[in-house]
């Protein structure tokens, strides 16, 4: 997201591959970057991931478990490890990866993350994945217009915020860049800005509800 976090580690200029991420990607692959706090990861998150993986014909989908969010209190390393483990349980199948790449790379914002991934894996076709609830507030993310200029974006409808997202500032600003849902399989190769809104059977689970019930 457009969230920030504090860390001593920073990316080394000119050396995007200096830090090991624990996975490798090959040029020509179609890879979804699915960012979030995942606190905790739940079936709604998994639903978005599965829909994106299938509809966009992706080779891999990486759950990027965020180290922190500027709208919330700072979180410790053990707390991130807990959320990472939860995401790993939901990231089922050989095509999904749960990763703390943002912590490893020292990325503060989504724009930083996207640029670091593009530099680290040249030739990979990246797509940013998010739920419709995030689309509603996407214009508040740092560098939101530049993110859409860096890579295509896929929005998967979920019950929370779905209608609001379709009429959000981002949806209006980039209305001319929206692809029809039938073009989902070519989104990864579309020159940015390009985005798509995908609908699928909706899941009502939310991280807030799960935390309140525990």
N, C-alpha and C. Protein backbone atom coordinates (compact mmCIF):
# COMPACT_ATOMS: atom_id res chain seq x y z
N UNK A 1 0.84 -1.17 0.00
CA UNK A 1 0.00 0.00 0.00
C UNK A 1 0.88 1.24 0.00
N UNK A 2 0.27 2.41 0.23
CA UNK A 2 1.06 3.61 0.31
C UNK A 2 1.51 3.81 1.73
N UNK A 3 1.93 2.74 2.40
CA UNK A 3 2.25 2.81 3.80
C UNK A 3 3.75 2.94 3.99
N UNK A 4 4.16 3.52 5.12
CA UNK A 4 5.58 3.68 5.40
C UNK A 4 5.94 2.90 6.64
N UNK A 5 7.23 2.61 6.80
CA UNK A 5 7.70 1.97 8.02
C UNK A 5 9.13 2.40 8.25
N UNK A 6 9.59 2.30 9.50
CA UNK A 6 10.94 2.72 9.84
C UNK A 6 11.84 1.50 9.95
N UNK A 7 13.03 1.60 9.35
CA UNK A 7 14.00 0.51 9.42
C UNK A 7 15.37 1.06 9.16
N UNK A 8 16.37 0.43 9.77
CA UNK A 8 17.74 0.87 9.55
C UNK A 8 18.25 0.42 8.19
N UNK A 9 17.77 -0.72 7.71
CA UNK A 9 18.23 -1.26 6.44
C UNK A 9 17.61 -0.48 5.30
N UNK A 10 18.42 -0.15 4.31
CA UNK A 10 17.95 0.56 3.14
C UNK A 10 18.51 -0.11 1.89
N UNK A 11 17.82 0.00 0.75
CA UNK A 11 18.36 -0.58 -0.46
C UNK A 11 19.68 0.07 -0.84
N UNK A 12 20.58 -0.71 -1.41
CA UNK A 12 21.87 -0.19 -1.83
C UNK A 12 21.74 0.33 -3.25
N UNK A 13 22.04 1.61 -3.48
CA UNK A 13 21.89 2.21 -4.79
C UNK A 13 22.70 1.44 -5.82
N UNK A 14 22.05 1.11 -6.93
CA UNK A 14 22.74 0.42 -8.01
C UNK A 14 22.93 -1.06 -7.77
N UNK A 15 22.46 -1.58 -6.64
CA UNK A 15 22.63 -3.00 -6.33
C UNK A 15 21.29 -3.60 -5.90
N UNK A 16 20.28 -3.59 -6.78
CA UNK A 16 18.95 -4.08 -6.40
C UNK A 16 18.92 -5.55 -6.05
N UNK A 17 19.93 -6.32 -6.48
CA UNK A 17 19.92 -7.75 -6.17
C UNK A 17 20.81 -8.11 -5.01
N UNK A 18 21.26 -7.09 -4.24
CA UNK A 18 22.22 -7.35 -3.17
C UNK A 18 21.61 -8.14 -2.02
N UNK A 19 20.32 -8.03 -1.83
CA UNK A 19 19.66 -8.74 -0.74
C UNK A 19 18.90 -9.95 -1.28
N UNK A 20 19.05 -11.07 -0.64
CA UNK A 20 18.38 -12.29 -1.07
C UNK A 20 16.91 -12.26 -0.64
N UNK A 21 16.03 -12.55 -1.57
CA UNK A 21 14.60 -12.50 -1.29
C UNK A 21 14.01 -13.88 -1.01
N UNK A 22 14.76 -14.93 -1.28
CA UNK A 22 14.26 -16.26 -1.00
C UNK A 22 13.50 -16.88 -2.15
N UNK A 23 13.43 -16.21 -3.29
CA UNK A 23 12.79 -16.78 -4.46
C UNK A 23 13.42 -16.15 -5.70
N UNK A 24 13.18 -16.77 -6.86
CA UNK A 24 13.71 -16.24 -8.11
C UNK A 24 12.60 -16.18 -9.14
N UNK A 25 12.71 -15.23 -10.05
CA UNK A 25 11.75 -15.05 -11.13
C UNK A 25 12.51 -14.92 -12.43
N UNK A 26 11.91 -15.37 -13.51
CA UNK A 26 12.57 -15.35 -14.81
C UNK A 26 11.91 -14.35 -15.74
N UNK A 27 12.72 -13.76 -16.62
CA UNK A 27 12.20 -12.82 -17.61
C UNK A 27 11.10 -13.48 -18.42
N UNK A 28 10.05 -12.71 -18.68
CA UNK A 28 8.91 -13.22 -19.43
C UNK A 28 7.79 -13.73 -18.55
N UNK A 29 8.06 -13.98 -17.27
CA UNK A 29 7.02 -14.44 -16.36
C UNK A 29 6.01 -13.34 -16.08
N UNK A 30 4.77 -13.74 -15.81
CA UNK A 30 3.72 -12.82 -15.38
C UNK A 30 3.54 -13.01 -13.88
N UNK A 31 3.80 -11.96 -13.12
CA UNK A 31 3.84 -12.10 -11.66
C UNK A 31 2.97 -11.03 -11.00
N UNK A 32 2.07 -11.48 -10.13
CA UNK A 32 1.24 -10.57 -9.36
C UNK A 32 1.92 -10.20 -8.05
N UNK A 33 1.89 -8.91 -7.70
CA UNK A 33 2.38 -8.42 -6.42
C UNK A 33 1.16 -8.02 -5.60
N UNK A 34 0.94 -8.74 -4.52
CA UNK A 34 -0.28 -8.59 -3.72
C UNK A 34 0.12 -8.10 -2.33
N UNK A 35 0.04 -6.79 -2.12
CA UNK A 35 0.51 -6.22 -0.87
C UNK A 35 -0.59 -6.02 0.16
N UNK A 36 -0.20 -6.08 1.43
CA UNK A 36 -1.17 -5.85 2.50
C UNK A 36 -0.58 -6.16 3.86
N UNK A 37 -1.32 -5.76 4.90
CA UNK A 37 -0.91 -6.08 6.27
C UNK A 37 -1.21 -7.54 6.60
N UNK A 38 -2.32 -8.06 6.05
CA UNK A 38 -2.73 -9.44 6.29
C UNK A 38 -2.74 -9.74 7.80
N UNK A 39 -3.56 -8.97 8.51
CA UNK A 39 -3.58 -9.04 9.97
C UNK A 39 -4.98 -9.36 10.50
N UNK A 40 -5.38 -10.65 10.49
CA UNK A 40 -4.63 -11.78 9.94
C UNK A 40 -5.05 -12.04 8.48
N UNK A 41 -4.28 -12.86 7.79
CA UNK A 41 -4.67 -13.31 6.46
C UNK A 41 -5.91 -14.18 6.60
N UNK A 42 -6.88 -13.99 5.70
CA UNK A 42 -8.13 -14.75 5.80
C UNK A 42 -8.61 -15.19 4.42
N UNK A 43 -9.75 -15.84 4.38
CA UNK A 43 -10.27 -16.39 3.14
C UNK A 43 -10.55 -15.31 2.10
N UNK A 44 -10.94 -14.11 2.55
CA UNK A 44 -11.16 -13.03 1.60
C UNK A 44 -9.90 -12.68 0.85
N UNK A 45 -8.76 -12.66 1.55
CA UNK A 45 -7.48 -12.41 0.89
C UNK A 45 -7.15 -13.53 -0.10
N UNK A 46 -7.36 -14.76 0.33
CA UNK A 46 -7.07 -15.90 -0.53
C UNK A 46 -7.97 -15.88 -1.77
N UNK A 47 -9.20 -15.44 -1.60
CA UNK A 47 -10.14 -15.33 -2.71
C UNK A 47 -9.59 -14.36 -3.78
N UNK A 48 -9.14 -13.19 -3.34
CA UNK A 48 -8.56 -12.21 -4.26
C UNK A 48 -7.36 -12.82 -4.99
N UNK A 49 -6.49 -13.50 -4.24
CA UNK A 49 -5.30 -14.09 -4.83
C UNK A 49 -5.65 -15.15 -5.87
N UNK A 50 -6.59 -16.02 -5.56
CA UNK A 50 -6.96 -17.08 -6.49
C UNK A 50 -7.59 -16.53 -7.76
N UNK A 51 -8.47 -15.54 -7.59
CA UNK A 51 -9.12 -14.94 -8.76
C UNK A 51 -8.08 -14.28 -9.66
N UNK A 52 -7.17 -13.52 -9.07
CA UNK A 52 -6.14 -12.85 -9.85
C UNK A 52 -5.25 -13.85 -10.57
N UNK A 53 -4.83 -14.88 -9.86
CA UNK A 53 -3.94 -15.88 -10.44
C UNK A 53 -4.58 -16.54 -11.66
N UNK A 54 -5.85 -16.87 -11.53
CA UNK A 54 -6.54 -17.58 -12.62
C UNK A 54 -6.94 -16.65 -13.76
N UNK A 55 -7.58 -15.54 -13.44
CA UNK A 55 -8.12 -14.67 -14.48
C UNK A 55 -7.04 -13.94 -15.25
N UNK A 56 -5.92 -13.62 -14.59
CA UNK A 56 -4.84 -12.89 -15.25
C UNK A 56 -3.81 -13.81 -15.88
N UNK A 57 -4.00 -15.12 -15.72
CA UNK A 57 -3.06 -16.12 -16.25
C UNK A 57 -1.64 -15.86 -15.76
N UNK A 58 -1.50 -15.68 -14.44
CA UNK A 58 -0.19 -15.38 -13.85
C UNK A 58 0.63 -16.65 -13.65
N UNK A 59 1.94 -16.49 -13.71
CA UNK A 59 2.84 -17.60 -13.42
C UNK A 59 3.11 -17.71 -11.93
N UNK A 60 3.13 -16.56 -11.24
CA UNK A 60 3.34 -16.52 -9.79
C UNK A 60 2.53 -15.37 -9.21
N UNK A 61 2.20 -15.50 -7.93
CA UNK A 61 1.59 -14.41 -7.19
C UNK A 61 2.28 -14.32 -5.83
N UNK A 62 2.84 -13.15 -5.54
CA UNK A 62 3.60 -12.96 -4.31
C UNK A 62 2.79 -12.14 -3.32
N UNK A 63 2.51 -12.73 -2.16
CA UNK A 63 1.87 -12.00 -1.07
C UNK A 63 2.96 -11.18 -0.38
N UNK A 64 2.92 -9.87 -0.51
CA UNK A 64 3.91 -8.99 0.12
C UNK A 64 3.37 -8.53 1.47
N UNK A 65 3.82 -9.19 2.52
CA UNK A 65 3.34 -8.87 3.87
C UNK A 65 4.07 -7.62 4.36
N UNK A 66 3.32 -6.55 4.52
CA UNK A 66 3.89 -5.25 4.85
C UNK A 66 4.48 -5.20 6.25
N UNK A 67 5.68 -4.61 6.41
CA UNK A 67 6.24 -4.43 7.75
C UNK A 67 5.42 -3.48 8.61
N UNK A 68 4.68 -2.53 7.98
CA UNK A 68 3.92 -1.58 8.78
C UNK A 68 3.03 -0.71 7.93
N UNK A 69 2.26 0.14 8.60
CA UNK A 69 1.29 1.02 7.96
C UNK A 69 1.36 2.36 8.69
N UNK A 70 1.47 3.51 7.97
CA UNK A 70 1.59 4.80 8.64
C UNK A 70 0.37 5.19 9.44
N UNK A 71 -0.75 4.53 9.19
CA UNK A 71 -1.98 4.85 9.92
C UNK A 71 -2.14 4.03 11.20
N UNK A 72 -1.17 3.14 11.43
CA UNK A 72 -1.26 2.27 12.61
C UNK A 72 0.02 2.37 13.43
N UNK A 73 -0.04 1.85 14.65
CA UNK A 73 1.13 1.88 15.52
C UNK A 73 2.26 1.03 14.93
N UNK A 74 3.52 1.39 15.22
CA UNK A 74 4.66 0.60 14.72
C UNK A 74 4.57 -0.84 15.19
N UNK A 75 5.08 -1.77 14.37
CA UNK A 75 5.01 -3.18 14.69
C UNK A 75 6.42 -3.75 14.76
N UNK A 76 6.59 -4.76 15.61
CA UNK A 76 7.90 -5.37 15.78
C UNK A 76 8.12 -6.51 14.80
N UNK A 77 9.38 -7.01 14.79
CA UNK A 77 9.74 -8.08 13.86
C UNK A 77 8.97 -9.36 14.15
N UNK A 78 8.75 -9.68 15.43
CA UNK A 78 8.04 -10.92 15.75
C UNK A 78 6.59 -10.84 15.29
N UNK A 79 6.02 -9.64 15.36
CA UNK A 79 4.63 -9.46 14.92
C UNK A 79 4.53 -9.65 13.41
N UNK A 80 5.51 -9.15 12.67
CA UNK A 80 5.54 -9.36 11.22
C UNK A 80 5.69 -10.85 10.90
N UNK A 81 6.52 -11.55 11.65
CA UNK A 81 6.71 -12.98 11.42
C UNK A 81 5.40 -13.73 11.62
N UNK A 82 4.60 -13.30 12.59
CA UNK A 82 3.30 -13.94 12.82
C UNK A 82 2.38 -13.75 11.61
N UNK A 83 2.31 -12.52 11.10
CA UNK A 83 1.46 -12.26 9.94
C UNK A 83 1.98 -12.97 8.69
N UNK A 84 3.29 -13.05 8.56
CA UNK A 84 3.90 -13.74 7.43
C UNK A 84 3.54 -15.22 7.46
N UNK A 85 3.58 -15.82 8.64
CA UNK A 85 3.23 -17.24 8.78
C UNK A 85 1.77 -17.47 8.42
N UNK A 86 0.90 -16.54 8.83
CA UNK A 86 -0.51 -16.66 8.50
C UNK A 86 -0.75 -16.54 7.00
N UNK A 87 -0.05 -15.62 6.35
CA UNK A 87 -0.18 -15.47 4.90
C UNK A 87 0.33 -16.71 4.19
N UNK A 88 1.42 -17.30 4.70
CA UNK A 88 1.99 -18.50 4.08
C UNK A 88 0.98 -19.65 4.11
N UNK A 89 0.19 -19.74 5.17
CA UNK A 89 -0.82 -20.80 5.25
C UNK A 89 -1.92 -20.60 4.22
N UNK A 90 -2.21 -19.34 3.89
CA UNK A 90 -3.27 -19.04 2.92
C UNK A 90 -2.76 -19.07 1.48
N UNK A 91 -1.47 -18.85 1.30
CA UNK A 91 -0.88 -18.82 -0.05
C UNK A 91 -0.67 -20.23 -0.54
N UNK A 92 -1.75 -20.91 -0.84
CA UNK A 92 -1.70 -22.33 -1.17
C UNK A 92 -1.31 -22.55 -2.62
N UNK A 93 -0.56 -23.61 -2.85
CA UNK A 93 -0.20 -24.01 -4.20
C UNK A 93 1.18 -23.53 -4.61
N UNK A 94 1.76 -24.17 -5.63
CA UNK A 94 3.12 -23.86 -6.05
C UNK A 94 3.28 -22.49 -6.71
N UNK A 95 2.18 -21.87 -7.10
CA UNK A 95 2.27 -20.59 -7.79
C UNK A 95 2.18 -19.39 -6.84
N UNK A 96 1.97 -19.63 -5.56
CA UNK A 96 1.85 -18.53 -4.61
C UNK A 96 3.03 -18.53 -3.64
N UNK A 97 3.48 -17.32 -3.29
CA UNK A 97 4.60 -17.15 -2.38
C UNK A 97 4.22 -16.09 -1.35
N UNK A 98 4.43 -16.36 -0.07
CA UNK A 98 4.28 -15.35 0.98
C UNK A 98 5.68 -14.82 1.30
N UNK A 99 5.86 -13.51 1.26
CA UNK A 99 7.20 -12.95 1.37
C UNK A 99 7.24 -11.70 2.25
N UNK A 100 8.37 -11.53 2.93
CA UNK A 100 8.66 -10.29 3.66
C UNK A 100 9.67 -9.46 2.86
N UNK A 101 9.52 -9.47 1.54
CA UNK A 101 10.47 -8.78 0.66
C UNK A 101 10.61 -7.31 0.99
N UNK A 102 9.53 -6.67 1.43
CA UNK A 102 9.62 -5.24 1.75
C UNK A 102 10.56 -5.01 2.94
N UNK A 103 10.51 -5.90 3.91
CA UNK A 103 11.45 -5.80 5.04
C UNK A 103 12.88 -6.03 4.55
N UNK A 104 13.08 -7.02 3.72
CA UNK A 104 14.42 -7.35 3.22
C UNK A 104 15.00 -6.25 2.35
N UNK A 105 14.13 -5.61 1.56
CA UNK A 105 14.58 -4.56 0.65
C UNK A 105 14.64 -3.19 1.30
N UNK A 106 13.99 -3.04 2.44
CA UNK A 106 13.94 -1.73 3.08
C UNK A 106 13.00 -0.78 2.37
N UNK A 107 11.99 -1.30 1.69
CA UNK A 107 11.04 -0.47 0.95
C UNK A 107 10.07 0.21 1.91
N UNK A 108 9.89 1.51 1.76
CA UNK A 108 8.99 2.25 2.65
C UNK A 108 7.59 2.38 2.08
N UNK A 109 7.48 2.48 0.77
CA UNK A 109 6.19 2.69 0.14
C UNK A 109 6.02 1.72 -1.04
N UNK A 110 4.76 1.57 -1.47
CA UNK A 110 4.49 0.68 -2.59
C UNK A 110 5.26 1.10 -3.83
N UNK A 111 5.35 2.39 -4.09
CA UNK A 111 6.10 2.86 -5.25
C UNK A 111 7.55 2.38 -5.18
N UNK A 112 8.16 2.45 -3.98
CA UNK A 112 9.53 1.95 -3.81
C UNK A 112 9.58 0.46 -4.11
N UNK A 113 8.63 -0.29 -3.57
CA UNK A 113 8.59 -1.74 -3.74
C UNK A 113 8.53 -2.12 -5.22
N UNK A 114 7.62 -1.48 -5.93
CA UNK A 114 7.44 -1.78 -7.35
C UNK A 114 8.72 -1.51 -8.13
N UNK A 115 9.33 -0.38 -7.88
CA UNK A 115 10.55 -0.02 -8.61
C UNK A 115 11.71 -0.96 -8.28
N UNK A 116 11.81 -1.37 -7.03
CA UNK A 116 12.86 -2.31 -6.64
C UNK A 116 12.66 -3.67 -7.29
N UNK A 117 11.43 -4.13 -7.36
CA UNK A 117 11.15 -5.41 -8.00
C UNK A 117 11.46 -5.35 -9.49
N UNK A 118 11.09 -4.25 -10.14
CA UNK A 118 11.36 -4.12 -11.56
C UNK A 118 12.86 -4.09 -11.85
N UNK A 119 13.62 -3.46 -10.96
CA UNK A 119 15.07 -3.41 -11.13
C UNK A 119 15.70 -4.76 -10.82
N UNK A 120 15.17 -5.45 -9.81
CA UNK A 120 15.72 -6.74 -9.40
C UNK A 120 15.44 -7.83 -10.42
N UNK A 121 14.26 -7.75 -11.09
CA UNK A 121 13.85 -8.79 -12.02
C UNK A 121 13.48 -8.18 -13.38
N UNK A 122 14.47 -7.72 -14.14
CA UNK A 122 14.17 -7.14 -15.45
C UNK A 122 13.54 -8.16 -16.38
N UNK A 123 12.55 -7.72 -17.14
CA UNK A 123 11.89 -8.61 -18.09
C UNK A 123 10.69 -9.33 -17.53
N UNK A 124 10.47 -9.26 -16.20
CA UNK A 124 9.28 -9.87 -15.59
C UNK A 124 8.10 -8.92 -15.76
N UNK A 125 6.95 -9.45 -16.09
CA UNK A 125 5.74 -8.66 -16.27
C UNK A 125 4.97 -8.61 -14.95
N UNK A 126 5.13 -7.54 -14.20
CA UNK A 126 4.49 -7.42 -12.90
C UNK A 126 3.11 -6.77 -13.02
N UNK A 127 2.20 -7.21 -12.15
CA UNK A 127 0.88 -6.62 -12.01
C UNK A 127 0.62 -6.40 -10.52
N UNK A 128 0.16 -5.21 -10.15
CA UNK A 128 -0.21 -4.97 -8.76
C UNK A 128 -1.63 -5.47 -8.54
N UNK A 129 -1.83 -6.24 -7.47
CA UNK A 129 -3.13 -6.85 -7.16
C UNK A 129 -3.69 -6.21 -5.90
N UNK A 130 -4.98 -5.86 -5.91
CA UNK A 130 -5.62 -5.37 -4.68
C UNK A 130 -7.12 -5.61 -4.74
N UNK A 131 -7.73 -5.58 -3.56
CA UNK A 131 -9.17 -5.71 -3.46
C UNK A 131 -9.84 -4.38 -3.74
N UNK A 132 -11.13 -4.41 -4.05
CA UNK A 132 -11.86 -3.20 -4.39
C UNK A 132 -11.91 -2.23 -3.21
N UNK A 133 -11.81 -2.71 -1.98
CA UNK A 133 -11.82 -1.82 -0.83
C UNK A 133 -10.58 -0.92 -0.83
N UNK A 134 -9.45 -1.44 -1.29
CA UNK A 134 -8.24 -0.62 -1.38
C UNK A 134 -8.32 0.41 -2.51
N UNK A 135 -9.05 0.08 -3.58
CA UNK A 135 -9.20 1.04 -4.67
C UNK A 135 -9.88 2.31 -4.18
N UNK A 136 -10.79 2.18 -3.22
CA UNK A 136 -11.52 3.34 -2.72
C UNK A 136 -10.59 4.38 -2.11
N UNK A 137 -9.51 3.94 -1.48
CA UNK A 137 -8.58 4.88 -0.85
C UNK A 137 -7.23 4.96 -1.53
N UNK A 138 -7.11 4.42 -2.73
CA UNK A 138 -5.81 4.36 -3.40
C UNK A 138 -5.22 5.74 -3.66
N UNK A 139 -6.08 6.73 -3.86
CA UNK A 139 -5.59 8.08 -4.15
C UNK A 139 -4.85 8.70 -2.96
N UNK A 140 -4.96 8.09 -1.78
CA UNK A 140 -4.24 8.59 -0.61
C UNK A 140 -2.85 7.97 -0.48
N UNK A 141 -2.54 6.99 -1.30
CA UNK A 141 -1.22 6.35 -1.25
C UNK A 141 -0.18 7.30 -1.83
N UNK A 142 0.99 7.27 -1.28
CA UNK A 142 2.06 8.13 -1.78
C UNK A 142 2.44 7.73 -3.21
N UNK A 143 2.44 8.72 -4.11
CA UNK A 143 2.82 8.47 -5.49
C UNK A 143 1.83 7.60 -6.24
N UNK A 144 0.54 7.71 -5.93
CA UNK A 144 -0.44 6.80 -6.50
C UNK A 144 -0.52 6.89 -8.03
N UNK A 145 -0.40 8.08 -8.60
CA UNK A 145 -0.44 8.18 -10.06
C UNK A 145 0.81 7.57 -10.68
N UNK A 146 1.94 7.69 -9.97
CA UNK A 146 3.19 7.11 -10.47
C UNK A 146 3.16 5.59 -10.40
N UNK A 147 2.48 5.04 -9.38
CA UNK A 147 2.35 3.58 -9.31
C UNK A 147 1.65 3.06 -10.56
N UNK A 148 0.57 3.73 -10.95
CA UNK A 148 -0.16 3.31 -12.13
C UNK A 148 0.65 3.54 -13.40
N UNK A 149 1.65 4.39 -13.33
CA UNK A 149 2.53 4.58 -14.46
C UNK A 149 3.65 3.56 -14.53
N UNK A 150 3.83 2.79 -13.43
CA UNK A 150 4.91 1.81 -13.36
C UNK A 150 4.48 0.42 -13.82
N UNK A 151 3.24 0.04 -13.53
CA UNK A 151 2.80 -1.33 -13.84
C UNK A 151 1.28 -1.38 -13.90
N UNK A 152 0.72 -2.38 -14.59
CA UNK A 152 -0.74 -2.55 -14.62
C UNK A 152 -1.25 -2.91 -13.22
N UNK A 153 -2.53 -2.63 -13.00
CA UNK A 153 -3.17 -2.88 -11.71
C UNK A 153 -4.44 -3.69 -11.93
N UNK A 154 -4.63 -4.72 -11.12
CA UNK A 154 -5.85 -5.53 -11.15
C UNK A 154 -6.59 -5.35 -9.84
N UNK A 155 -7.86 -5.00 -9.93
CA UNK A 155 -8.72 -4.83 -8.75
C UNK A 155 -9.74 -5.96 -8.75
N UNK A 156 -9.79 -6.71 -7.65
CA UNK A 156 -10.73 -7.83 -7.54
C UNK A 156 -11.82 -7.44 -6.55
N UNK A 157 -13.06 -7.53 -6.99
CA UNK A 157 -14.20 -7.10 -6.18
C UNK A 157 -14.35 -7.96 -4.93
N UNK A 158 -14.48 -7.27 -3.80
CA UNK A 158 -14.85 -7.89 -2.54
C UNK A 158 -16.02 -7.09 -1.99
N UNK A 159 -16.74 -7.65 -1.06
CA UNK A 159 -17.95 -7.00 -0.56
C UNK A 159 -17.65 -5.64 0.04
N UNK A 160 -16.61 -5.54 0.87
CA UNK A 160 -16.31 -4.28 1.54
C UNK A 160 -15.73 -3.28 0.54
N UNK A 161 -16.41 -2.17 0.36
CA UNK A 161 -15.90 -1.09 -0.45
C UNK A 161 -15.98 -1.29 -1.95
N UNK A 162 -16.66 -2.33 -2.40
CA UNK A 162 -16.67 -2.62 -3.84
C UNK A 162 -17.31 -1.49 -4.64
N UNK A 163 -18.50 -1.06 -4.24
CA UNK A 163 -19.19 0.00 -4.98
C UNK A 163 -18.43 1.31 -4.86
N UNK A 164 -17.96 1.64 -3.66
CA UNK A 164 -17.22 2.88 -3.46
C UNK A 164 -15.97 2.92 -4.33
N UNK A 165 -15.29 1.79 -4.48
CA UNK A 165 -14.08 1.74 -5.27
C UNK A 165 -14.33 2.07 -6.73
N UNK A 166 -15.45 1.65 -7.27
CA UNK A 166 -15.74 1.86 -8.68
C UNK A 166 -15.99 3.33 -8.99
N UNK A 167 -16.30 4.12 -7.97
CA UNK A 167 -16.52 5.56 -8.16
C UNK A 167 -15.47 6.39 -7.43
N UNK A 168 -14.34 5.78 -7.16
CA UNK A 168 -13.27 6.45 -6.41
C UNK A 168 -12.53 7.45 -7.29
N UNK A 169 -11.75 8.35 -6.69
CA UNK A 169 -10.94 9.29 -7.48
C UNK A 169 -10.00 8.58 -8.47
N UNK A 170 -9.46 7.44 -8.05
CA UNK A 170 -8.56 6.69 -8.95
C UNK A 170 -9.32 6.17 -10.16
N UNK A 171 -10.49 5.58 -9.92
CA UNK A 171 -11.29 5.05 -11.03
C UNK A 171 -11.69 6.15 -11.99
N UNK A 172 -12.00 7.33 -11.47
CA UNK A 172 -12.40 8.45 -12.34
C UNK A 172 -11.19 9.00 -13.09
N UNK A 173 -10.06 9.17 -12.37
CA UNK A 173 -8.87 9.76 -12.98
C UNK A 173 -8.35 8.88 -14.13
N UNK A 174 -8.41 7.57 -13.95
CA UNK A 174 -7.86 6.65 -14.94
C UNK A 174 -8.95 5.87 -15.68
N UNK A 175 -10.10 6.49 -15.85
CA UNK A 175 -11.21 5.82 -16.52
C UNK A 175 -10.84 5.38 -17.93
N UNK A 176 -10.07 6.20 -18.64
CA UNK A 176 -9.71 5.87 -20.01
C UNK A 176 -8.70 4.74 -20.10
N UNK A 177 -8.06 4.40 -18.97
CA UNK A 177 -7.04 3.35 -18.95
C UNK A 177 -7.59 2.01 -18.49
N UNK A 178 -8.88 1.97 -18.20
CA UNK A 178 -9.49 0.73 -17.72
C UNK A 178 -9.75 -0.23 -18.87
N UNK A 179 -9.34 -1.47 -18.70
CA UNK A 179 -9.59 -2.51 -19.70
C UNK A 179 -10.88 -3.25 -19.36
N UNK A 180 -11.52 -3.78 -20.37
CA UNK A 180 -12.71 -4.61 -20.16
C UNK A 180 -12.30 -5.89 -19.46
N UNK A 181 -13.21 -6.45 -18.66
CA UNK A 181 -12.88 -7.65 -17.89
C UNK A 181 -12.47 -8.81 -18.79
N UNK A 182 -12.96 -8.82 -20.01
CA UNK A 182 -12.60 -9.88 -20.93
C UNK A 182 -11.16 -9.83 -21.39
N UNK A 183 -10.49 -8.72 -21.11
CA UNK A 183 -9.08 -8.56 -21.51
C UNK A 183 -8.13 -8.92 -20.38
N UNK A 184 -8.63 -9.60 -19.36
CA UNK A 184 -7.82 -9.89 -18.17
C UNK A 184 -6.52 -10.61 -18.49
N UNK A 185 -6.54 -11.54 -19.40
CA UNK A 185 -5.36 -12.35 -19.68
C UNK A 185 -4.24 -11.55 -20.36
N UNK A 186 -4.54 -10.40 -20.91
CA UNK A 186 -3.49 -9.60 -21.52
C UNK A 186 -3.11 -8.37 -20.69
N UNK A 187 -3.66 -8.27 -19.48
CA UNK A 187 -3.33 -7.13 -18.64
C UNK A 187 -1.84 -7.06 -18.34
N UNK A 188 -1.22 -8.19 -18.04
CA UNK A 188 0.20 -8.20 -17.65
C UNK A 188 1.11 -7.64 -18.74
N UNK A 189 0.67 -7.72 -19.98
CA UNK A 189 1.51 -7.23 -21.08
C UNK A 189 1.05 -5.86 -21.59
N UNK A 190 0.02 -5.30 -20.97
CA UNK A 190 -0.48 -3.99 -21.40
C UNK A 190 0.44 -2.89 -20.88
N UNK A 191 0.75 -1.89 -21.70
CA UNK A 191 1.59 -0.78 -21.24
C UNK A 191 0.82 0.06 -20.22
N UNK A 192 1.47 0.40 -19.11
CA UNK A 192 0.78 1.24 -18.12
C UNK A 192 0.67 2.69 -18.60
N UNK A 193 -0.35 3.44 -18.12
CA UNK A 193 -1.33 2.98 -17.13
C UNK A 193 -2.38 2.07 -17.76
N UNK A 194 -2.68 1.00 -17.06
CA UNK A 194 -3.73 0.07 -17.46
C UNK A 194 -4.23 -0.62 -16.21
N UNK A 195 -5.54 -0.73 -16.08
CA UNK A 195 -6.09 -1.42 -14.91
C UNK A 195 -7.38 -2.11 -15.30
N UNK A 196 -7.77 -3.05 -14.46
CA UNK A 196 -8.96 -3.84 -14.74
C UNK A 196 -9.71 -4.10 -13.44
N UNK A 197 -11.02 -4.19 -13.55
CA UNK A 197 -11.87 -4.45 -12.39
C UNK A 197 -12.54 -5.80 -12.61
N UNK A 198 -12.21 -6.76 -11.76
CA UNK A 198 -12.71 -8.12 -11.91
C UNK A 198 -13.75 -8.43 -10.83
N UNK A 199 -14.86 -8.99 -11.21
CA UNK A 199 -15.87 -9.42 -10.26
C UNK A 199 -15.86 -10.93 -10.18
N UNK A 200 -16.18 -11.44 -8.98
CA UNK A 200 -16.20 -12.88 -8.74
C UNK A 200 -17.07 -13.09 -7.51
N UNK A 201 -17.47 -14.35 -7.20
CA UNK A 201 -18.22 -14.59 -5.97
C UNK A 201 -17.51 -13.94 -4.79
N UNK A 202 -18.24 -13.12 -4.03
CA UNK A 202 -17.62 -12.32 -2.99
C UNK A 202 -17.51 -13.06 -1.67
N UNK A 203 -16.45 -12.74 -0.93
CA UNK A 203 -16.25 -13.28 0.40
C UNK A 203 -16.42 -12.15 1.41
N UNK A 204 -17.08 -12.43 2.52
CA UNK A 204 -17.38 -11.36 3.48
C UNK A 204 -16.37 -11.27 4.61
N UNK A 205 -15.44 -12.22 4.72
CA UNK A 205 -14.48 -12.20 5.82
C UNK A 205 -13.62 -10.96 5.77
N UNK A 206 -13.31 -10.39 6.93
CA UNK A 206 -12.42 -9.24 7.00
C UNK A 206 -11.44 -9.45 8.15
N UNK A 207 -10.27 -8.83 8.04
CA UNK A 207 -9.27 -8.95 9.10
C UNK A 207 -9.79 -8.37 10.40
N UNK A 208 -10.50 -7.23 10.32
CA UNK A 208 -11.01 -6.59 11.54
C UNK A 208 -11.98 -7.50 12.27
N UNK A 209 -12.90 -8.12 11.52
CA UNK A 209 -13.87 -9.02 12.15
C UNK A 209 -13.18 -10.20 12.79
N UNK A 210 -12.18 -10.76 12.15
CA UNK A 210 -11.47 -11.92 12.69
C UNK A 210 -10.71 -11.53 13.97
N UNK A 211 -10.08 -10.34 13.98
CA UNK A 211 -9.36 -9.92 15.18
C UNK A 211 -10.33 -9.71 16.34
N UNK A 212 -11.50 -9.12 16.05
CA UNK A 212 -12.47 -8.84 17.11
C UNK A 212 -13.10 -10.11 17.68
N UNK A 213 -13.11 -11.18 16.87
CA UNK A 213 -13.73 -12.43 17.34
C UNK A 213 -12.75 -13.33 18.07
N UNK A 214 -11.45 -12.98 18.04
CA UNK A 214 -10.45 -13.84 18.65
C UNK A 214 -10.26 -13.51 20.12
